Amino acid sequence: MSKAERDALDNKLSQRFIHLDPAGYFIIYIDHEQQRIWMKHYPNAINEKGLAVDPQTGEPIPTKGKVLREPDVVLSGRTAKELCIELFEKERKFVTMFDHAAYLGRELMRAQFCLDAGIDYIQD
C-alpha cells in the first residue's frame, strides 16, 4: 500500500462515528520553543444524543471555533511516553475507554514526531 493510499485510509477512518469518553477530552498542542507537548483536559458529560455537553450548563460543546472553557488539568511532557505514563499509570482516571486511550497514544506520537521534526502539529 502506498503512502497516498495509507493517508486516504486514515482520512476515511477519521470520519467514522466514535463514542465520546464521559471522562472528558484533551486538546493537544506542541511548543517548539519549550520543546514540550502540552495537553489540556476538559470534563464533559454525554447527553442522550451522544453529544459532549458542558457539565455545568448542559449545552453542547462546539467542535469548531473557539470554546470558552477552562481546562481542569494541564499536563506537559517532553515525550509521548512521558505523557502516557502520566495519563494511564497515575491514580486519576482521565480516560475510561480503550479507543480513547489508543487515540491519545497515536496523537501524542504524532505530536512528538512534529516536535522532533520542527513542523506544525494539528490534532486529528
PDB file of N, CA and C in Angstrom:
ATOM      1  N   MET A   1       0.855  -1.176   0.000  1.00  0.00           N
ATOM      2  CA  MET A   1       0.000   0.000   0.000  1.00  0.00           C
ATOM      3  C   MET A   1       0.902   1.241   0.000  1.00  0.00           C
ATOM      4  N   SER A   2       0.587   2.174  -0.850  1.00  0.00           N
ATOM      5  CA  SER A   2       1.396   3.394  -0.959  1.00  0.00           C
ATOM      6  C   SER A   2       1.071   4.356   0.187  1.00  0.00           C
ATOM      7  N   LYS A   3       1.928   5.347   0.364  1.00  0.00           N
ATOM      8  CA  LYS A   3       1.691   6.371   1.386  1.00  0.00           C
ATOM      9  C   LYS A   3       0.381   7.101   1.098  1.00  0.00           C
ATOM     10  N   ALA A   4       0.119   7.415  -0.151  1.00  0.00           N
ATOM     11  CA  ALA A   4      -1.131   8.105  -0.510  1.00  0.00           C
ATOM     12  C   ALA A   4      -2.347   7.258  -0.139  1.00  0.00           C
ATOM     13  N   GLU A   5      -2.255   5.952  -0.365  1.00  0.00           N
ATOM     14  CA  GLU A   5      -3.362   5.060  -0.003  1.00  0.00           C
ATOM     15  C   GLU A   5      -3.532   4.965   1.512  1.00  0.00           C
ATOM     16  N   ARG A   6      -2.412   4.913   2.237  1.00  0.00           N
ATOM     17  CA  ARG A   6      -2.489   4.904   3.709  1.00  0.00           C
ATOM     18  C   ARG A   6      -3.092   6.205   4.222  1.00  0.00           C
ATOM     19  N   ASP A   7      -2.682   7.338   3.647  1.00  0.00           N
ATOM     20  CA  ASP A   7      -3.241   8.633   4.047  1.00  0.00           C
ATOM     21  C   ASP A   7      -4.738   8.694   3.776  1.00  0.00           C
ATOM     22  N   ALA A   8      -5.163   8.178   2.623  1.00  0.00           N
ATOM     23  CA  ALA A   8      -6.586   8.169   2.282  1.00  0.00           C
ATOM     24  C   ALA A   8      -7.365   7.291   3.263  1.00  0.00           C
ATOM     25  N   LEU A   9      -6.802   6.146   3.628  1.00  0.00           N
ATOM     26  CA  LEU A   9      -7.451   5.265   4.599  1.00  0.00           C
ATOM     27  C   LEU A   9      -7.571   5.962   5.955  1.00  0.00           C
ATOM     28  N   ASP A  10      -6.483   6.591   6.406  1.00  0.00           N
ATOM     29  CA  ASP A  10      -6.520   7.315   7.690  1.00  0.00           C
ATOM     30  C   ASP A  10      -7.562   8.427   7.661  1.00  0.00           C
ATOM     31  N   ASN A  11      -7.633   9.166   6.564  1.00  0.00           N
ATOM     32  CA  ASN A  11      -8.624  10.237   6.455  1.00  0.00           C
ATOM     33  C   ASN A  11     -10.046   9.672   6.520  1.00  0.00           C
ATOM     34  N   LYS A  12     -10.269   8.551   5.850  1.00  0.00           N
ATOM     35  CA  LYS A  12     -11.592   7.920   5.885  1.00  0.00           C
ATOM     36  C   LYS A  12     -11.933   7.468   7.302  1.00  0.00           C
ATOM     37  N   LEU A  13     -10.978   6.838   7.976  1.00  0.00           N
ATOM     38  CA  LEU A  13     -11.223   6.352   9.336  1.00  0.00           C
ATOM     39  C   LEU A  13     -11.438   7.501  10.318  1.00  0.00           C
ATOM     40  N   SER A  14     -10.863   8.651  10.054  1.00  0.00           N
ATOM     41  CA  SER A  14     -11.059   9.816  10.918  1.00  0.00           C
ATOM     42  C   SER A  14     -12.487  10.340  10.857  1.00  0.00           C
ATOM     43  N   GLN A  15     -13.237   9.948   9.831  1.00  0.00           N
ATOM     44  CA  GLN A  15     -14.609  10.432   9.656  1.00  0.00           C
ATOM     45  C   GLN A  15     -15.657   9.515  10.297  1.00  0.00           C
ATOM     46  N   ARG A  16     -15.237   8.393  10.874  1.00  0.00           N
ATOM     47  CA  ARG A  16     -16.195   7.439  11.434  1.00  0.00           C
ATOM     48  C   ARG A  16     -16.824   7.981  12.720  1.00  0.00           C
ATOM     49  N   PHE A  17     -17.958   7.402  13.101  1.00  0.00           N
ATOM     50  CA  PHE A  17     -18.614   7.769  14.345  1.00  0.00           C
ATOM     51  C   PHE A  17     -17.819   7.195  15.509  1.00  0.00           C
ATOM     52  N   ILE A  18     -17.643   7.982  16.537  1.00  0.00           N
ATOM     53  CA  ILE A  18     -16.983   7.496  17.751  1.00  0.00           C
ATOM     54  C   ILE A  18     -17.846   7.851  18.959  1.00  0.00           C
ATOM     55  N   HIS A  19     -17.824   6.978  19.925  1.00  0.00           N
ATOM     56  CA  HIS A  19     -18.479   7.273  21.192  1.00  0.00           C
ATOM     57  C   HIS A  19     -17.526   8.125  22.013  1.00  0.00           C
ATOM     58  N   LEU A  20     -18.055   9.150  22.620  1.00  0.00           N
ATOM     59  CA  LEU A  20     -17.220  10.070  23.391  1.00  0.00           C
ATOM     60  C   LEU A  20     -16.999   9.551  24.800  1.00  0.00           C
ATOM     61  N   ASP A  21     -15.815   9.838  25.326  1.00  0.00           N
ATOM     62  CA  ASP A  21     -15.441   9.403  26.663  1.00  0.00           C
ATOM     63  C   ASP A  21     -16.115  10.298  27.697  1.00  0.00           C
ATOM     64  N   PRO A  22     -16.901   9.722  28.600  1.00  0.00           N
ATOM     65  CA  PRO A  22     -17.544  10.545  29.620  1.00  0.00           C
ATOM     66  C   PRO A  22     -16.560  11.180  30.608  1.00  0.00           C
ATOM     67  N   ALA A  23     -15.296  10.737  30.596  1.00  0.00           N
ATOM     68  CA  ALA A  23     -14.290  11.336  31.479  1.00  0.00           C
ATOM     69  C   ALA A  23     -13.777  12.672  30.946  1.00  0.00           C
ATOM     70  N   GLY A  24     -14.105  13.003  29.695  1.00  0.00           N
ATOM     71  CA  GLY A  24     -13.674  14.274  29.134  1.00  0.00           C
ATOM     72  C   GLY A  24     -12.829  14.106  27.893  1.00  0.00           C
ATOM     73  N   TYR A  25     -12.258  15.231  27.464  1.00  0.00           N
ATOM     74  CA  TYR A  25     -11.455  15.228  26.246  1.00  0.00           C
ATOM     75  C   TYR A  25     -10.210  16.090  26.450  1.00  0.00           C
ATOM     76  N   PHE A  26      -9.247  15.926  25.550  1.00  0.00           N
ATOM     77  CA  PHE A  26      -7.983  16.654  25.603  1.00  0.00           C
ATOM     78  C   PHE A  26      -7.785  17.485  24.348  1.00  0.00           C
ATOM     79  N   ILE A  27      -7.214  18.644  24.534  1.00  0.00           N
ATOM     80  CA  ILE A  27      -6.669  19.429  23.440  1.00  0.00           C
ATOM     81  C   ILE A  27      -5.156  19.286  23.555  1.00  0.00           C
ATOM     82  N   ILE A  28      -4.527  18.845  22.473  1.00  0.00           N
ATOM     83  CA  ILE A  28      -3.080  18.598  22.457  1.00  0.00           C
ATOM     84  C   ILE A  28      -2.425  19.621  21.546  1.00  0.00           C
ATOM     85  N   TYR A  29      -1.292  20.154  21.993  1.00  0.00           N
ATOM     86  CA  TYR A  29      -0.520  21.068  21.157  1.00  0.00           C
ATOM     87  C   TYR A  29       0.942  20.980  21.553  1.00  0.00           C
ATOM     88  N   ILE A  30       1.794  21.517  20.704  1.00  0.00           N
ATOM     89  CA  ILE A  30       3.231  21.483  20.995  1.00  0.00           C
ATOM     90  C   ILE A  30       3.772  22.905  21.064  1.00  0.00           C
ATOM     91  N   ASP A  31       4.866  23.046  21.791  1.00  0.00           N
ATOM     92  CA  ASP A  31       5.570  24.319  21.905  1.00  0.00           C
ATOM     93  C   ASP A  31       7.009  24.057  21.478  1.00  0.00           C
ATOM     94  N   HIS A  32       7.351  24.509  20.274  1.00  0.00           N
ATOM     95  CA  HIS A  32       8.699  24.267  19.756  1.00  0.00           C
ATOM     96  C   HIS A  32       9.760  24.977  20.582  1.00  0.00           C
ATOM     97  N   GLU A  33       9.453  26.159  21.085  1.00  0.00           N
ATOM     98  CA  GLU A  33      10.431  26.910  21.862  1.00  0.00           C
ATOM     99  C   GLU A  33      10.779  26.189  23.164  1.00  0.00           C
ATOM    100  N   GLN A  34       9.756  25.685  23.849  1.00  0.00           N
ATOM    101  CA  GLN A  34       9.975  24.967  25.103  1.00  0.00           C
ATOM    102  C   GLN A  34      10.320  23.494  24.888  1.00  0.00           C
ATOM    103  N   GLN A  35      10.125  23.012  23.647  1.00  0.00           N
ATOM    104  CA  GLN A  35      10.354  21.607  23.312  1.00  0.00           C
ATOM    105  C   GLN A  35       9.494  20.691  24.186  1.00  0.00           C
ATOM    106  N   ARG A  36       8.199  21.011  24.250  1.00  0.00           N
ATOM    107  CA  ARG A  36       7.266  20.258  25.082  1.00  0.00           C
ATOM    108  C   ARG A  36       5.956  20.000  24.329  1.00  0.00           C
ATOM    109  N   ILE A  37       5.322  18.907  24.726  1.00  0.00           N
ATOM    110  CA  ILE A  37       3.975  18.582  24.284  1.00  0.00           C
ATOM    111  C   ILE A  37       3.041  18.967  25.432  1.00  0.00           C
ATOM    112  N   TRP A  38       1.970  19.640  25.108  1.00  0.00           N
ATOM    113  CA  TRP A  38       1.014  20.094  26.118  1.00  0.00           C
ATOM    114  C   TRP A  38      -0.340  19.447  25.893  1.00  0.00           C
ATOM    115  N   MET A  39      -1.052  19.184  26.993  1.00  0.00           N
ATOM    116  CA  MET A  39      -2.391  18.617  26.949  1.00  0.00           C
ATOM    117  C   MET A  39      -3.270  19.377  27.940  1.00  0.00           C
ATOM    118  N   LYS A  40      -4.421  19.819  27.471  1.00  0.00           N
ATOM    119  CA  LYS A  40      -5.406  20.432  28.352  1.00  0.00           C
ATOM    120  C   LYS A  40      -6.606  19.497  28.421  1.00  0.00           C
ATOM    121  N   HIS A  41      -7.014  19.160  29.638  1.00  0.00           N
ATOM    122  CA  HIS A  41      -8.154  18.261  29.834  1.00  0.00           C
ATOM    123  C   HIS A  41      -9.395  19.067  30.199  1.00  0.00           C
ATOM    124  N   TYR A  42     -10.484  18.724  29.528  1.00  0.00           N
ATOM    125  CA  TYR A  42     -11.771  19.372  29.779  1.00  0.00           C
ATOM    126  C   TYR A  42     -12.798  18.303  30.138  1.00  0.00           C
ATOM    127  N   PRO A  43     -13.463  18.450  31.277  1.00  0.00           N
ATOM    128  CA  PRO A  43     -14.513  17.490  31.603  1.00  0.00           C
ATOM    129  C   PRO A  43     -15.722  17.717  30.712  1.00  0.00           C
ATOM    130  N   ASN A  44     -16.492  16.680  30.520  1.00  0.00           N
ATOM    131  CA  ASN A  44     -17.746  16.801  29.793  1.00  0.00           C
ATOM    132  C   ASN A  44     -18.719  15.751  30.302  1.00  0.00           C
ATOM    133  N   ALA A  45     -19.957  15.913  29.912  1.00  0.00           N
ATOM    134  CA  ALA A  45     -20.984  14.899  30.115  1.00  0.00           C
ATOM    135  C   ALA A  45     -21.463  14.514  28.719  1.00  0.00           C
ATOM    136  N   ILE A  46     -22.098  13.397  28.611  1.00  0.00           N
ATOM    137  CA  ILE A  46     -22.625  12.942  27.328  1.00  0.00           C
ATOM    138  C   ILE A  46     -24.150  12.942  27.437  1.00  0.00           C
ATOM    139  N   ASN A  47     -24.817  13.650  26.518  1.00  0.00           N
ATOM    140  CA  ASN A  47     -26.281  13.722  26.574  1.00  0.00           C
ATOM    141  C   ASN A  47     -26.914  12.512  25.887  1.00  0.00           C
ATOM    142  N   GLU A  48     -28.244  12.482  25.865  1.00  0.00           N
ATOM    143  CA  GLU A  48     -28.983  11.348  25.305  1.00  0.00           C
ATOM    144  C   GLU A  48     -28.753  11.174  23.809  1.00  0.00           C
ATOM    145  N   LYS A  49     -28.277  12.213  23.122  1.00  0.00           N
ATOM    146  CA  LYS A  49     -27.978  12.122  21.692  1.00  0.00           C
ATOM    147  C   LYS A  49     -26.530  11.698  21.433  1.00  0.00           C
ATOM    148  N   GLY A  50     -25.763  11.488  22.507  1.00  0.00           N
ATOM    149  CA  GLY A  50     -24.365  11.108  22.361  1.00  0.00           C
ATOM    150  C   GLY A  50     -23.437  12.284  22.155  1.00  0.00           C
ATOM    151  N   LEU A  51     -23.928  13.500  22.396  1.00  0.00           N
ATOM    152  CA  LEU A  51     -23.104  14.702  22.225  1.00  0.00           C
ATOM    153  C   LEU A  51     -22.400  15.064  23.529  1.00  0.00           C
ATOM    154  N   ALA A  52     -21.199  15.587  23.401  1.00  0.00           N
ATOM    155  CA  ALA A  52     -20.481  16.099  24.568  1.00  0.00           C
ATOM    156  C   ALA A  52     -21.100  17.433  24.960  1.00  0.00           C
ATOM    157  N   VAL A  53     -21.442  17.556  26.238  1.00  0.00           N
ATOM    158  CA  VAL A  53     -22.043  18.792  26.727  1.00  0.00           C
ATOM    159  C   VAL A  53     -21.254  19.296  27.930  1.00  0.00           C
ATOM    160  N   ASP A  54     -21.304  20.606  28.125  1.00  0.00           N
ATOM    161  CA  ASP A  54     -20.691  21.221  29.294  1.00  0.00           C
ATOM    162  C   ASP A  54     -21.423  20.699  30.530  1.00  0.00           C
ATOM    163  N   PRO A  55     -20.707  20.085  31.475  1.00  0.00           N
ATOM    164  CA  PRO A  55     -21.390  19.507  32.631  1.00  0.00           C
ATOM    165  C   PRO A  55     -22.082  20.556  33.511  1.00  0.00           C
ATOM    166  N   GLN A  56     -21.660  21.801  33.412  1.00  0.00           N
ATOM    167  CA  GLN A  56     -22.272  22.855  34.222  1.00  0.00           C
ATOM    168  C   GLN A  56     -23.520  23.427  33.569  1.00  0.00           C
ATOM    169  N   THR A  57     -23.500  23.577  32.252  1.00  0.00           N
ATOM    170  CA  THR A  57     -24.628  24.234  31.567  1.00  0.00           C
ATOM    171  C   THR A  57     -25.523  23.266  30.811  1.00  0.00           C
ATOM    172  N   GLY A  58     -25.019  22.078  30.480  1.00  0.00           N
ATOM    173  CA  GLY A  58     -25.776  21.140  29.667  1.00  0.00           C
ATOM    174  C   GLY A  58     -25.781  21.487  28.190  1.00  0.00           C
ATOM    175  N   GLU A  59     -25.090  22.568  27.815  1.00  0.00           N
ATOM    176  CA  GLU A  59     -25.034  22.997  26.412  1.00  0.00           C
ATOM    177  C   GLU A  59     -24.005  22.175  25.645  1.00  0.00           C
ATOM    178  N   PRO A  60     -24.321  21.804  24.380  1.00  0.00           N
ATOM    179  CA  PRO A  60     -23.340  21.069  23.570  1.00  0.00           C
ATOM    180  C   PRO A  60     -22.041  21.850  23.413  1.00  0.00           C
ATOM    181  N   ILE A  61     -20.940  21.128  23.438  1.00  0.00           N
ATOM    182  CA  ILE A  61     -19.621  21.727  23.260  1.00  0.00           C
ATOM    183  C   ILE A  61     -19.355  21.778  21.763  1.00  0.00           C
ATOM    184  N   PRO A  62     -19.105  22.970  21.205  1.00  0.00           N
ATOM    185  CA  PRO A  62     -18.881  23.058  19.754  1.00  0.00           C
ATOM    186  C   PRO A  62     -17.604  22.333  19.339  1.00  0.00           C
ATOM    187  N   THR A  63     -17.633  21.774  18.142  1.00  0.00           N
ATOM    188  CA  THR A  63     -16.463  21.066  17.624  1.00  0.00           C
ATOM    189  C   THR A  63     -15.585  21.963  16.768  1.00  0.00           C
ATOM    190  N   LYS A  64     -16.084  23.117  16.402  1.00  0.00           N
ATOM    191  CA  LYS A  64     -15.307  24.069  15.600  1.00  0.00           C
ATOM    192  C   LYS A  64     -15.355  25.426  16.280  1.00  0.00           C
ATOM    193  N   GLY A  65     -14.325  26.209  16.034  1.00  0.00           N
ATOM    194  CA  GLY A  65     -14.286  27.551  16.610  1.00  0.00           C
ATOM    195  C   GLY A  65     -13.729  27.545  18.021  1.00  0.00           C
ATOM    196  N   LYS A  66     -13.724  28.693  18.611  1.00  0.00           N
ATOM    197  CA  LYS A  66     -13.167  28.877  19.946  1.00  0.00           C
ATOM    198  C   LYS A  66     -14.171  28.448  21.017  1.00  0.00           C
ATOM    199  N   VAL A  67     -13.691  27.667  21.966  1.00  0.00           N
ATOM    200  CA  VAL A  67     -14.511  27.237  23.089  1.00  0.00           C
ATOM    201  C   VAL A  67     -14.010  27.974  24.326  1.00  0.00           C
ATOM    202  N   LEU A  68     -14.906  28.689  24.978  1.00  0.00           N
ATOM    203  CA  LEU A  68     -14.519  29.484  26.135  1.00  0.00           C
ATOM    204  C   LEU A  68     -14.750  28.699  27.421  1.00  0.00           C
ATOM    205  N   ARG A  69     -13.884  27.711  27.643  1.00  0.00           N
ATOM    206  CA  ARG A  69     -13.928  26.904  28.852  1.00  0.00           C
ATOM    207  C   ARG A  69     -12.521  26.831  29.404  1.00  0.00           C
ATOM    208  N   GLU A  70     -12.433  26.663  30.698  1.00  0.00           N
ATOM    209  CA  GLU A  70     -11.130  26.500  31.330  1.00  0.00           C
ATOM    210  C   GLU A  70     -10.861  25.008  31.544  1.00  0.00           C
ATOM    211  N   PRO A  71      -9.655  24.565  31.245  1.00  0.00           N
ATOM    212  CA  PRO A  71      -9.335  23.155  31.498  1.00  0.00           C
ATOM    213  C   PRO A  71      -9.284  22.888  32.996  1.00  0.00           C
ATOM    214  N   ASP A  72      -9.585  21.649  33.384  1.00  0.00           N
ATOM    215  CA  ASP A  72      -9.451  21.306  34.794  1.00  0.00           C
ATOM    216  C   ASP A  72      -8.040  20.822  35.114  1.00  0.00           C
ATOM    217  N   VAL A  73      -7.312  20.382  34.094  1.00  0.00           N
ATOM    218  CA  VAL A  73      -5.931  19.928  34.273  1.00  0.00           C
ATOM    219  C   VAL A  73      -5.131  20.296  33.027  1.00  0.00           C
ATOM    220  N   VAL A  74      -3.892  20.735  33.240  1.00  0.00           N
ATOM    221  CA  VAL A  74      -2.956  20.985  32.143  1.00  0.00           C
ATOM    222  C   VAL A  74      -1.715  20.145  32.417  1.00  0.00           C
ATOM    223  N   LEU A  75      -1.341  19.340  31.428  1.00  0.00           N
ATOM    224  CA  LEU A  75      -0.171  18.477  31.542  1.00  0.00           C
ATOM    225  C   LEU A  75       0.824  18.846  30.452  1.00  0.00           C
ATOM    226  N   SER A  76       2.102  18.625  30.733  1.00  0.00           N
ATOM    227  CA  SER A  76       3.099  18.778  29.675  1.00  0.00           C
ATOM    228  C   SER A  76       4.183  17.737  29.874  1.00  0.00           C
ATOM    229  N   GLY A  77       4.804  17.397  28.768  1.00  0.00           N
ATOM    230  CA  GLY A  77       5.876  16.422  28.814  1.00  0.00           C
ATOM    231  C   GLY A  77       6.819  16.615  27.658  1.00  0.00           C
ATOM    232  N   ARG A  78       7.954  15.949  27.763  1.00  0.00           N
ATOM    233  CA  ARG A  78       8.967  16.038  26.714  1.00  0.00           C
ATOM    234  C   ARG A  78       8.775  14.982  25.644  1.00  0.00           C
ATOM    235  N   THR A  79       8.066  13.895  26.004  1.00  0.00           N
ATOM    236  CA  THR A  79       7.843  12.808  25.056  1.00  0.00           C
ATOM    237  C   THR A  79       6.422  12.274  25.194  1.00  0.00           C
ATOM    238  N   ALA A  80       5.997  11.542  24.180  1.00  0.00           N
ATOM    239  CA  ALA A  80       4.691  10.889  24.226  1.00  0.00           C
ATOM    240  C   ALA A  80       4.650   9.872  25.364  1.00  0.00           C
ATOM    241  N   LYS A  81       5.728   9.143  25.551  1.00  0.00           N
ATOM    242  CA  LYS A  81       5.768   8.130  26.606  1.00  0.00           C
ATOM    243  C   LYS A  81       5.607   8.772  27.980  1.00  0.00           C
ATOM    244  N   GLU A  82       6.288   9.880  28.206  1.00  0.00           N
ATOM    245  CA  GLU A  82       6.183  10.576  29.490  1.00  0.00           C
ATOM    246  C   GLU A  82       4.724  10.963  29.774  1.00  0.00           C
ATOM    247  N   LEU A  83       4.030  11.480  28.772  1.00  0.00           N
ATOM    248  CA  LEU A  83       2.635  11.876  28.964  1.00  0.00           C
ATOM    249  C   LEU A  83       1.715  10.664  29.105  1.00  0.00           C
ATOM    250  N   CYS A  84       1.978   9.591  28.377  1.00  0.00           N
ATOM    251  CA  CYS A  84       1.159   8.388  28.519  1.00  0.00           C
ATOM    252  C   CYS A  84       1.286   7.793  29.915  1.00  0.00           C
ATOM    253  N   ILE A  85       2.475   7.825  30.490  1.00  0.00           N
ATOM    254  CA  ILE A  85       2.648   7.353  31.867  1.00  0.00           C
ATOM    255  C   ILE A  85       1.817   8.214  32.812  1.00  0.00           C
ATOM    256  N   GLU A  86       1.841   9.520  32.612  1.00  0.00           N
ATOM    257  CA  GLU A  86       1.031  10.427  33.444  1.00  0.00           C
ATOM    258  C   GLU A  86      -0.467  10.125  33.275  1.00  0.00           C
ATOM    259  N   LEU A  87      -0.894   9.856  32.063  1.00  0.00           N
ATOM    260  CA  LEU A  87      -2.314   9.613  31.789  1.00  0.00           C
ATOM    261  C   LEU A  87      -2.814   8.259  32.292  1.00  0.00           C
ATOM    262  N   PHE A  88      -2.018   7.224  32.115  1.00  0.00           N
ATOM    263  CA  PHE A  88      -2.526   5.874  32.308  1.00  0.00           C
ATOM    264  C   PHE A  88      -1.957   5.122  33.504  1.00  0.00           C
ATOM    265  N   GLU A  89      -0.914   5.653  34.124  1.00  0.00           N
ATOM    266  CA  GLU A  89      -0.299   4.923  35.233  1.00  0.00           C
ATOM    267  C   GLU A  89      -0.415   5.655  36.563  1.00  0.00           C
ATOM    268  N   LYS A  90      -1.108   6.766  36.585  1.00  0.00           N
ATOM    269  CA  LYS A  90      -1.316   7.517  37.828  1.00  0.00           C
ATOM    270  C   LYS A  90      -2.726   7.238  38.344  1.00  0.00           C
ATOM    271  N   GLU A  91      -3.031   7.736  39.508  1.00  0.00           N
ATOM    272  CA  GLU A  91      -4.322   7.430  40.128  1.00  0.00           C
ATOM    273  C   GLU A  91      -5.512   8.076  39.441  1.00  0.00           C
ATOM    274  N   ARG A  92      -5.386   9.298  39.007  1.00  0.00           N
ATOM    275  CA  ARG A  92      -6.529   9.981  38.392  1.00  0.00           C
ATOM    276  C   ARG A  92      -6.842   9.333  37.050  1.00  0.00           C
ATOM    277  N   LYS A  93      -8.096   9.100  36.801  1.00  0.00           N
ATOM    278  CA  LYS A  93      -8.525   8.454  35.562  1.00  0.00           C
ATOM    279  C   LYS A  93      -9.043   9.503  34.590  1.00  0.00           C
ATOM    280  N   PHE A  94      -8.183   9.867  33.635  1.00  0.00           N
ATOM    281  CA  PHE A  94      -8.551  10.832  32.605  1.00  0.00           C
ATOM    282  C   PHE A  94      -9.284  10.164  31.450  1.00  0.00           C
ATOM    283  N   VAL A  95      -9.119   8.853  31.327  1.00  0.00           N
ATOM    284  CA  VAL A  95      -9.628   8.119  30.176  1.00  0.00           C
ATOM    285  C   VAL A  95     -10.344   6.876  30.678  1.00  0.00           C
ATOM    286  N   THR A  96     -11.555   6.642  30.176  1.00  0.00           N
ATOM    287  CA  THR A  96     -12.312   5.475  30.617  1.00  0.00           C
ATOM    288  C   THR A  96     -12.613   4.504  29.477  1.00  0.00           C
ATOM    289  N   MET A  97     -12.157   4.819  28.271  1.00  0.00           N
ATOM    290  CA  MET A  97     -12.464   3.987  27.111  1.00  0.00           C
ATOM    291  C   MET A  97     -11.176   3.621  26.370  1.00  0.00           C
ATOM    292  N   PHE A  98     -11.076   2.344  25.967  1.00  0.00           N
ATOM    293  CA  PHE A  98      -9.873   1.873  25.277  1.00  0.00           C
ATOM    294  C   PHE A  98      -9.629   2.619  23.975  1.00  0.00           C
ATOM    295  N   ASP A  99     -10.697   2.897  23.203  1.00  0.00           N
ATOM    296  CA  ASP A  99     -10.477   3.585  21.931  1.00  0.00           C
ATOM    297  C   ASP A  99      -9.975   5.008  22.155  1.00  0.00           C
ATOM    298  N   HIS A 100     -10.388   5.642  23.238  1.00  0.00           N
ATOM    299  CA  HIS A 100      -9.885   6.971  23.561  1.00  0.00           C
ATOM    300  C   HIS A 100      -8.403   6.905  23.944  1.00  0.00           C
ATOM    301  N   ALA A 101      -8.040   5.877  24.711  1.00  0.00           N
ATOM    302  CA  ALA A 101      -6.637   5.693  25.093  1.00  0.00           C
ATOM    303  C   ALA A 101      -5.769   5.466  23.852  1.00  0.00           C
ATOM    304  N   ALA A 102      -6.248   4.634  22.927  1.00  0.00           N
ATOM    305  CA  ALA A 102      -5.482   4.371  21.710  1.00  0.00           C
ATOM    306  C   ALA A 102      -5.337   5.648  20.882  1.00  0.00           C
ATOM    307  N   TYR A 103      -6.423   6.405  20.761  1.00  0.00           N
ATOM    308  CA  TYR A 103      -6.386   7.686  20.035  1.00  0.00           C
ATOM    309  C   TYR A 103      -5.350   8.628  20.654  1.00  0.00           C
ATOM    310  N   LEU A 104      -5.368   8.764  21.982  1.00  0.00           N
ATOM    311  CA  LEU A 104      -4.413   9.672  22.631  1.00  0.00           C
ATOM    312  C   LEU A 104      -2.974   9.210  22.405  1.00  0.00           C
ATOM    313  N   GLY A 105      -2.731   7.914  22.468  1.00  0.00           N
ATOM    314  CA  GLY A 105      -1.383   7.405  22.190  1.00  0.00           C
ATOM    315  C   GLY A 105      -0.929   7.754  20.784  1.00  0.00           C
ATOM    316  N   ARG A 106      -1.823   7.569  19.808  1.00  0.00           N
ATOM    317  CA  ARG A 106      -1.479   7.918  18.418  1.00  0.00           C
ATOM    318  C   ARG A 106      -1.201   9.409  18.287  1.00  0.00           C
ATOM    319  N   GLU A 107      -2.076  10.227  18.867  1.00  0.00           N
ATOM    320  CA  GLU A 107      -1.909  11.679  18.746  1.00  0.00           C
ATOM    321  C   GLU A 107      -0.646  12.163  19.445  1.00  0.00           C
ATOM    322  N   LEU A 108      -0.336  11.590  20.584  1.00  0.00           N
ATOM    323  CA  LEU A 108       0.884  12.005  21.281  1.00  0.00           C
ATOM    324  C   LEU A 108       2.131  11.612  20.496  1.00  0.00           C
ATOM    325  N   MET A 109       2.107  10.458  19.832  1.00  0.00           N
ATOM    326  CA  MET A 109       3.239  10.077  18.983  1.00  0.00           C
ATOM    327  C   MET A 109       3.360  11.022  17.790  1.00  0.00           C
ATOM    328  N   ARG A 110       2.233  11.410  17.198  1.00  0.00           N
ATOM    329  CA  ARG A 110       2.265  12.379  16.096  1.00  0.00           C
ATOM    330  C   ARG A 110       2.809  13.714  16.587  1.00  0.00           C
ATOM    331  N   ALA A 111       2.370  14.141  17.768  1.00  0.00           N
ATOM    332  CA  ALA A 111       2.844  15.406  18.327  1.00  0.00           C
ATOM    333  C   ALA A 111       4.352  15.346  18.557  1.00  0.00           C
ATOM    334  N   GLN A 112       4.842  14.225  19.084  1.00  0.00           N
ATOM    335  CA  GLN A 112       6.282  14.090  19.314  1.00  0.00           C
ATOM    336  C   GLN A 112       7.036  14.103  17.989  1.00  0.00           C
ATOM    337  N   PHE A 113       6.513  13.421  16.978  1.00  0.00           N
ATOM    338  CA  PHE A 113       7.144  13.439  15.661  1.00  0.00           C
ATOM    339  C   PHE A 113       7.261  14.872  15.148  1.00  0.00           C
ATOM    340  N   CYS A 114       6.176  15.630  15.246  1.00  0.00           N
ATOM    341  CA  CYS A 114       6.182  17.020  14.770  1.00  0.00           C
ATOM    342  C   CYS A 114       7.151  17.877  15.582  1.00  0.00           C
ATOM    343  N   LEU A 115       7.190  17.652  16.876  1.00  0.00           N
ATOM    344  CA  LEU A 115       8.131  18.389  17.723  1.00  0.00           C
ATOM    345  C   LEU A 115       9.565  18.082  17.306  1.00  0.00           C
ATOM    346  N   ASP A 116       9.872  16.808  17.117  1.00  0.00           N
ATOM    347  CA  ASP A 116      11.221  16.394  16.705  1.00  0.00           C
ATOM    348  C   ASP A 116      11.588  16.934  15.329  1.00  0.00           C
ATOM    349  N   ALA A 117      10.606  16.971  14.422  1.00  0.00           N
ATOM    350  CA  ALA A 117      10.863  17.409  13.048  1.00  0.00           C
ATOM    351  C   ALA A 117      10.809  18.926  12.890  1.00  0.00           C
ATOM    352  N   GLY A 118      10.353  19.625  13.936  1.00  0.00           N
ATOM    353  CA  GLY A 118      10.263  21.083  13.848  1.00  0.00           C
ATOM    354  C   GLY A 118       9.129  21.559  12.950  1.00  0.00           C
ATOM    355  N   ILE A 119       8.075  20.742  12.849  1.00  0.00           N
ATOM    356  CA  ILE A 119       6.944  21.116  11.997  1.00  0.00           C
ATOM    357  C   ILE A 119       5.686  21.306  12.860  1.00  0.00           C
ATOM    358  N   ASP A 120       4.677  21.936  12.276  1.00  0.00           N
ATOM    359  CA  ASP A 120       3.431  22.185  12.987  1.00  0.00           C
ATOM    360  C   ASP A 120       2.691  20.875  13.238  1.00  0.00           C
ATOM    361  N   TYR A 121       1.957  20.843  14.340  1.00  0.00           N
ATOM    362  CA  TYR A 121       1.111  19.719  14.699  1.00  0.00           C
ATOM    363  C   TYR A 121      -0.325  20.187  14.762  1.00  0.00           C
ATOM    364  N   ILE A 122      -1.224  19.455  14.117  1.00  0.00           N
ATOM    365  CA  ILE A 122      -2.654  19.722  14.179  1.00  0.00           C
ATOM    366  C   ILE A 122      -3.335  18.446  14.646  1.00  0.00           C
ATOM    367  N   GLN A 123      -4.028  18.525  15.754  1.00  0.00           N
ATOM    368  CA  GLN A 123      -4.694  17.361  16.328  1.00  0.00           C
ATOM    369  C   GLN A 123      -5.793  16.862  15.404  1.00  0.00           C
ATOM    370  N   ASP A 124      -5.856  15.538  15.234  1.00  0.00           N
ATOM    371  CA  ASP A 124      -6.884  14.909  14.397  1.00  0.00           C
ATOM    372  C   ASP A 124      -8.188  14.832  15.161  1.00  0.00           C
TER     373      ASP A 124
END
